[in-house]
Amino acid sequence: MAEKPRSRSMGWTALAINLGATPGLGSYLAGHRGVGLLQMGLSVSGFIAILFWFWELVRGAWGSLQSGDSVVWPPAQALILGGALFGGAWLWSLVTSLQIIRDLRKTTPPILRDP
């Protein structure tokens, strides 16, 4: 079973890391190890597919500069697959982050401050 985060701020930190840095990393750090690793695996796989497509684009552009031909765009399959993998991991990590925050609201008492 996943270990629960210790404070409400950890839930918001997990959300910020998942959506702003690496999908899955915030989930992993919040104690949802298995889900976080799967999300990171999907996001890294998608990012690598997008980099592969971009590398082919740069290679084709460089070749066209050398030969004087027009630039030929590489097939979009890697770009679409990479975007789908990364986008899916991002959405999954959003849902996980919101579940973490919701669970923390149920179990963690609010912080009381002195007036």
N, C-alpha and C. Protein backbone atom coordinates (compact mmCIF):
# COMPACT_ATOMS: atom_id res chain seq x y z
N MET A 1 0.84 -1.19 0.00
CA MET A 1 0.00 0.00 0.00
C MET A 1 0.88 1.24 0.00
N ALA A 2 0.41 2.28 -0.60
CA ALA A 2 1.20 3.51 -0.70
C ALA A 2 1.28 4.21 0.65
N GLU A 3 2.45 4.76 0.92
CA GLU A 3 2.65 5.53 2.14
C GLU A 3 2.01 6.90 1.97
N LYS A 4 1.34 7.37 2.99
CA LYS A 4 0.64 8.66 2.92
C LYS A 4 1.62 9.81 3.15
N PRO A 5 1.44 10.91 2.43
CA PRO A 5 2.25 12.10 2.69
C PRO A 5 1.98 12.63 4.09
N ARG A 6 2.94 13.35 4.64
CA ARG A 6 2.85 13.79 6.03
C ARG A 6 2.06 15.08 6.22
N SER A 7 2.01 15.94 5.26
CA SER A 7 1.36 17.23 5.46
C SER A 7 0.60 17.64 4.20
N ARG A 8 -0.27 18.62 4.38
CA ARG A 8 -1.01 19.14 3.22
C ARG A 8 -0.07 19.77 2.20
N SER A 9 0.98 20.40 2.68
CA SER A 9 1.90 21.05 1.74
C SER A 9 2.57 20.02 0.84
N MET A 10 2.73 18.79 1.32
CA MET A 10 3.33 17.76 0.47
C MET A 10 2.41 17.44 -0.71
N GLY A 11 1.10 17.48 -0.50
CA GLY A 11 0.17 17.25 -1.60
C GLY A 11 0.29 18.32 -2.67
N TRP A 12 0.38 19.57 -2.24
CA TRP A 12 0.52 20.66 -3.22
C TRP A 12 1.89 20.62 -3.88
N THR A 13 2.91 20.21 -3.14
CA THR A 13 4.24 20.06 -3.73
C THR A 13 4.23 18.96 -4.78
N ALA A 14 3.56 17.85 -4.48
CA ALA A 14 3.45 16.75 -5.45
C ALA A 14 2.75 17.23 -6.71
N LEU A 15 1.69 18.03 -6.56
CA LEU A 15 0.98 18.57 -7.72
C LEU A 15 1.91 19.45 -8.55
N ALA A 16 2.65 20.33 -7.90
CA ALA A 16 3.54 21.24 -8.63
C ALA A 16 4.64 20.48 -9.36
N ILE A 17 5.22 19.48 -8.71
CA ILE A 17 6.29 18.70 -9.35
C ILE A 17 5.73 17.88 -10.50
N ASN A 18 4.57 17.25 -10.29
CA ASN A 18 3.98 16.42 -11.34
C ASN A 18 3.63 17.23 -12.58
N LEU A 19 3.08 18.42 -12.39
CA LEU A 19 2.63 19.20 -13.53
C LEU A 19 3.69 20.13 -14.10
N GLY A 20 4.65 20.52 -13.28
CA GLY A 20 5.63 21.49 -13.74
C GLY A 20 7.00 20.94 -14.06
N ALA A 21 7.34 19.79 -13.51
CA ALA A 21 8.68 19.26 -13.73
C ALA A 21 8.62 17.93 -14.48
N THR A 22 8.36 16.87 -13.76
CA THR A 22 8.33 15.54 -14.36
C THR A 22 7.09 14.80 -13.90
N PRO A 23 6.19 14.46 -14.82
CA PRO A 23 5.02 13.69 -14.41
C PRO A 23 5.45 12.38 -13.75
N GLY A 24 4.94 12.15 -12.55
CA GLY A 24 5.27 10.94 -11.81
C GLY A 24 6.25 11.17 -10.68
N LEU A 25 7.11 12.15 -10.80
CA LEU A 25 8.10 12.40 -9.76
C LEU A 25 7.43 12.88 -8.48
N GLY A 26 6.44 13.74 -8.60
CA GLY A 26 5.71 14.21 -7.42
C GLY A 26 4.96 13.07 -6.75
N SER A 27 4.35 12.19 -7.55
CA SER A 27 3.64 11.03 -6.99
C SER A 27 4.62 10.14 -6.25
N TYR A 28 5.77 9.91 -6.84
CA TYR A 28 6.80 9.07 -6.22
C TYR A 28 7.25 9.66 -4.89
N LEU A 29 7.53 10.95 -4.88
CA LEU A 29 8.00 11.60 -3.66
C LEU A 29 6.92 11.68 -2.59
N ALA A 30 5.64 11.66 -3.00
CA ALA A 30 4.54 11.71 -2.05
C ALA A 30 4.23 10.33 -1.46
N GLY A 31 4.96 9.31 -1.89
CA GLY A 31 4.78 7.98 -1.31
C GLY A 31 4.07 6.99 -2.21
N HIS A 32 3.60 7.41 -3.35
CA HIS A 32 2.94 6.50 -4.29
C HIS A 32 4.01 5.99 -5.26
N ARG A 33 4.84 5.09 -4.77
CA ARG A 33 6.05 4.66 -5.50
C ARG A 33 5.74 3.97 -6.83
N GLY A 34 4.88 2.96 -6.81
CA GLY A 34 4.60 2.20 -8.03
C GLY A 34 3.96 3.05 -9.11
N VAL A 35 2.94 3.80 -8.74
CA VAL A 35 2.25 4.66 -9.69
C VAL A 35 3.20 5.73 -10.21
N GLY A 36 4.01 6.30 -9.32
CA GLY A 36 4.96 7.32 -9.72
C GLY A 36 5.98 6.80 -10.73
N LEU A 37 6.47 5.56 -10.50
CA LEU A 37 7.43 4.98 -11.44
C LEU A 37 6.80 4.74 -12.80
N LEU A 38 5.55 4.26 -12.81
CA LEU A 38 4.86 4.05 -14.09
C LEU A 38 4.63 5.38 -14.82
N GLN A 39 4.24 6.40 -14.09
CA GLN A 39 4.02 7.71 -14.70
C GLN A 39 5.33 8.28 -15.25
N MET A 40 6.41 8.14 -14.48
CA MET A 40 7.71 8.62 -14.97
C MET A 40 8.15 7.83 -16.19
N GLY A 41 7.91 6.52 -16.19
CA GLY A 41 8.27 5.71 -17.35
C GLY A 41 7.54 6.15 -18.60
N LEU A 42 6.24 6.41 -18.48
CA LEU A 42 5.47 6.90 -19.63
C LEU A 42 5.96 8.26 -20.10
N SER A 43 6.19 9.16 -19.15
CA SER A 43 6.59 10.51 -19.54
C SER A 43 7.98 10.52 -20.17
N VAL A 44 8.90 9.75 -19.62
CA VAL A 44 10.25 9.70 -20.20
C VAL A 44 10.22 9.04 -21.58
N SER A 45 9.41 7.99 -21.73
CA SER A 45 9.27 7.34 -23.04
C SER A 45 8.72 8.31 -24.08
N GLY A 46 7.70 9.06 -23.69
CA GLY A 46 7.13 10.05 -24.60
C GLY A 46 8.14 11.13 -24.96
N PHE A 47 8.89 11.58 -23.96
CA PHE A 47 9.89 12.62 -24.22
C PHE A 47 10.98 12.12 -25.16
N ILE A 48 11.40 10.87 -24.99
CA ILE A 48 12.42 10.29 -25.87
C ILE A 48 11.88 10.17 -27.30
N ALA A 49 10.62 9.78 -27.46
CA ALA A 49 10.03 9.70 -28.80
C ALA A 49 9.98 11.07 -29.46
N ILE A 50 9.64 12.11 -28.69
CA ILE A 50 9.61 13.47 -29.24
C ILE A 50 11.02 13.91 -29.60
N LEU A 51 12.02 13.59 -28.77
CA LEU A 51 13.41 13.93 -29.09
C LEU A 51 13.88 13.21 -30.36
N PHE A 52 13.46 11.96 -30.52
CA PHE A 52 13.81 11.21 -31.73
C PHE A 52 13.26 11.92 -32.96
N TRP A 53 11.98 12.33 -32.90
CA TRP A 53 11.38 13.04 -34.02
C TRP A 53 12.13 14.34 -34.29
N PHE A 54 12.44 15.08 -33.23
CA PHE A 54 13.15 16.35 -33.40
C PHE A 54 14.54 16.13 -33.99
N TRP A 55 15.23 15.06 -33.56
CA TRP A 55 16.55 14.74 -34.10
C TRP A 55 16.45 14.48 -35.61
N GLU A 56 15.42 13.75 -36.03
CA GLU A 56 15.23 13.48 -37.46
C GLU A 56 14.95 14.78 -38.22
N LEU A 57 14.21 15.69 -37.61
CA LEU A 57 13.94 16.98 -38.24
C LEU A 57 15.23 17.77 -38.42
N VAL A 58 16.05 17.83 -37.37
CA VAL A 58 17.31 18.58 -37.45
C VAL A 58 18.26 17.93 -38.46
N ARG A 59 18.31 16.61 -38.44
CA ARG A 59 19.18 15.89 -39.38
C ARG A 59 18.74 16.17 -40.82
N GLY A 60 17.43 16.15 -41.08
CA GLY A 60 16.94 16.44 -42.42
C GLY A 60 17.19 17.88 -42.82
N ALA A 61 17.03 18.81 -41.88
CA ALA A 61 17.29 20.23 -42.18
C ALA A 61 18.76 20.45 -42.48
N TRP A 62 19.62 19.80 -41.72
CA TRP A 62 21.06 19.94 -41.96
C TRP A 62 21.44 19.37 -43.32
N GLY A 63 20.86 18.23 -43.65
CA GLY A 63 21.12 17.63 -44.95
C GLY A 63 20.63 18.50 -46.09
N SER A 64 19.49 19.15 -45.90
CA SER A 64 18.97 20.02 -46.95
C SER A 64 19.83 21.28 -47.10
N LEU A 65 20.41 21.75 -46.01
CA LEU A 65 21.33 22.89 -46.10
C LEU A 65 22.59 22.52 -46.88
N GLN A 66 23.06 21.32 -46.67
CA GLN A 66 24.26 20.86 -47.36
C GLN A 66 24.02 20.64 -48.85
N SER A 67 22.84 20.12 -49.19
CA SER A 67 22.56 19.79 -50.59
C SER A 67 21.83 20.90 -51.34
N GLY A 68 21.26 21.85 -50.62
CA GLY A 68 20.52 22.93 -51.27
C GLY A 68 19.08 22.58 -51.56
N ASP A 69 18.62 21.41 -51.15
CA ASP A 69 17.23 21.01 -51.36
C ASP A 69 16.33 21.65 -50.30
N SER A 70 15.03 21.47 -50.48
CA SER A 70 14.10 21.97 -49.47
C SER A 70 14.02 20.97 -48.31
N VAL A 71 13.60 21.47 -47.16
CA VAL A 71 13.51 20.65 -45.96
C VAL A 71 12.34 19.68 -46.09
N VAL A 72 12.60 18.42 -45.80
CA VAL A 72 11.56 17.41 -45.80
C VAL A 72 11.25 17.06 -44.35
N TRP A 73 10.00 17.23 -43.96
CA TRP A 73 9.60 16.94 -42.59
C TRP A 73 9.59 15.43 -42.36
N PRO A 74 10.08 15.00 -41.19
CA PRO A 74 10.01 13.56 -40.91
C PRO A 74 8.56 13.14 -40.64
N PRO A 75 8.28 11.84 -40.76
CA PRO A 75 6.92 11.37 -40.46
C PRO A 75 6.53 11.72 -39.03
N ALA A 76 5.27 12.00 -38.83
CA ALA A 76 4.81 12.50 -37.53
C ALA A 76 4.47 11.40 -36.53
N GLN A 77 4.67 10.12 -36.86
CA GLN A 77 4.28 9.05 -35.94
C GLN A 77 4.99 9.16 -34.60
N ALA A 78 6.28 9.40 -34.60
CA ALA A 78 7.02 9.49 -33.33
C ALA A 78 6.57 10.71 -32.53
N LEU A 79 6.27 11.80 -33.21
CA LEU A 79 5.80 13.01 -32.52
C LEU A 79 4.43 12.77 -31.88
N ILE A 80 3.53 12.13 -32.61
CA ILE A 80 2.19 11.85 -32.10
C ILE A 80 2.25 10.85 -30.95
N LEU A 81 3.02 9.78 -31.13
CA LEU A 81 3.16 8.78 -30.07
C LEU A 81 3.78 9.40 -28.82
N GLY A 82 4.84 10.17 -29.00
CA GLY A 82 5.49 10.82 -27.86
C GLY A 82 4.57 11.79 -27.15
N GLY A 83 3.83 12.57 -27.92
CA GLY A 83 2.88 13.50 -27.31
C GLY A 83 1.78 12.79 -26.56
N ALA A 84 1.30 11.68 -27.10
CA ALA A 84 0.25 10.92 -26.43
C ALA A 84 0.76 10.28 -25.14
N LEU A 85 1.97 9.71 -25.19
CA LEU A 85 2.54 9.10 -23.98
C LEU A 85 2.78 10.16 -22.90
N PHE A 86 3.42 11.25 -23.29
CA PHE A 86 3.72 12.29 -22.30
C PHE A 86 2.44 12.93 -21.78
N GLY A 87 1.50 13.23 -22.68
CA GLY A 87 0.24 13.83 -22.26
C GLY A 87 -0.56 12.91 -21.36
N GLY A 88 -0.56 11.62 -21.67
CA GLY A 88 -1.25 10.65 -20.82
C GLY A 88 -0.63 10.58 -19.43
N ALA A 89 0.70 10.57 -19.37
CA ALA A 89 1.38 10.55 -18.08
C ALA A 89 1.09 11.83 -17.29
N TRP A 90 1.04 12.95 -17.99
CA TRP A 90 0.77 14.23 -17.33
C TRP A 90 -0.64 14.24 -16.74
N LEU A 91 -1.62 13.78 -17.52
CA LEU A 91 -2.99 13.73 -17.02
C LEU A 91 -3.13 12.74 -15.86
N TRP A 92 -2.48 11.60 -15.97
CA TRP A 92 -2.52 10.59 -14.91
C TRP A 92 -1.91 11.16 -13.63
N SER A 93 -0.79 11.87 -13.76
CA SER A 93 -0.16 12.45 -12.57
C SER A 93 -1.02 13.58 -11.99
N LEU A 94 -1.77 14.30 -12.82
CA LEU A 94 -2.71 15.30 -12.32
C LEU A 94 -3.78 14.64 -11.46
N VAL A 95 -4.36 13.55 -11.95
CA VAL A 95 -5.39 12.83 -11.21
C VAL A 95 -4.82 12.30 -9.90
N THR A 96 -3.63 11.72 -9.94
CA THR A 96 -3.00 11.20 -8.72
C THR A 96 -2.75 12.32 -7.73
N SER A 97 -2.28 13.46 -8.19
CA SER A 97 -2.01 14.59 -7.30
C SER A 97 -3.29 15.09 -6.64
N LEU A 98 -4.36 15.17 -7.41
CA LEU A 98 -5.63 15.61 -6.84
C LEU A 98 -6.16 14.59 -5.83
N GLN A 99 -5.93 13.30 -6.07
CA GLN A 99 -6.32 12.28 -5.10
C GLN A 99 -5.51 12.42 -3.81
N ILE A 100 -4.23 12.71 -3.94
CA ILE A 100 -3.38 12.90 -2.76
C ILE A 100 -3.89 14.08 -1.94
N ILE A 101 -4.18 15.19 -2.61
CA ILE A 101 -4.68 16.38 -1.91
C ILE A 101 -6.02 16.09 -1.25
N ARG A 102 -6.92 15.41 -1.96
CA ARG A 102 -8.23 15.07 -1.40
C ARG A 102 -8.08 14.17 -0.17
N ASP A 103 -7.21 13.18 -0.24
CA ASP A 103 -6.99 12.28 0.90
C ASP A 103 -6.40 13.03 2.09
N LEU A 104 -5.52 13.98 1.81
CA LEU A 104 -4.92 14.75 2.90
C LEU A 104 -5.94 15.66 3.57
N ARG A 105 -6.86 16.19 2.82
CA ARG A 105 -7.91 17.03 3.42
C ARG A 105 -8.79 16.23 4.35
N LYS A 106 -8.98 14.96 4.05
CA LYS A 106 -9.81 14.11 4.89
C LYS A 106 -9.10 13.70 6.17
N THR A 107 -7.78 13.48 6.10
CA THR A 107 -7.06 12.90 7.23
C THR A 107 -6.23 13.88 8.04
N THR A 108 -5.86 15.02 7.46
CA THR A 108 -4.96 15.96 8.14
C THR A 108 -5.76 17.14 8.67
N PRO A 109 -5.63 17.44 9.96
CA PRO A 109 -6.32 18.62 10.49
C PRO A 109 -5.67 19.90 9.95
N PRO A 110 -6.46 20.96 9.79
CA PRO A 110 -5.88 22.22 9.30
C PRO A 110 -4.90 22.79 10.32
N ILE A 111 -3.96 23.56 9.83
CA ILE A 111 -2.97 24.21 10.69
C ILE A 111 -3.63 25.45 11.29
N LEU A 112 -3.62 25.51 12.60
CA LEU A 112 -4.20 26.68 13.29
C LEU A 112 -3.09 27.67 13.59
N ARG A 113 -3.37 28.93 13.33
CA ARG A 113 -2.37 29.97 13.56
C ARG A 113 -2.85 30.87 14.68
N ASP A 114 -1.92 31.39 15.45
CA ASP A 114 -2.26 32.32 16.50
C ASP A 114 -2.65 33.67 15.90
N PRO A 115 -3.68 34.30 16.47
CA PRO A 115 -4.11 35.61 15.92
C PRO A 115 -3.14 36.72 16.21
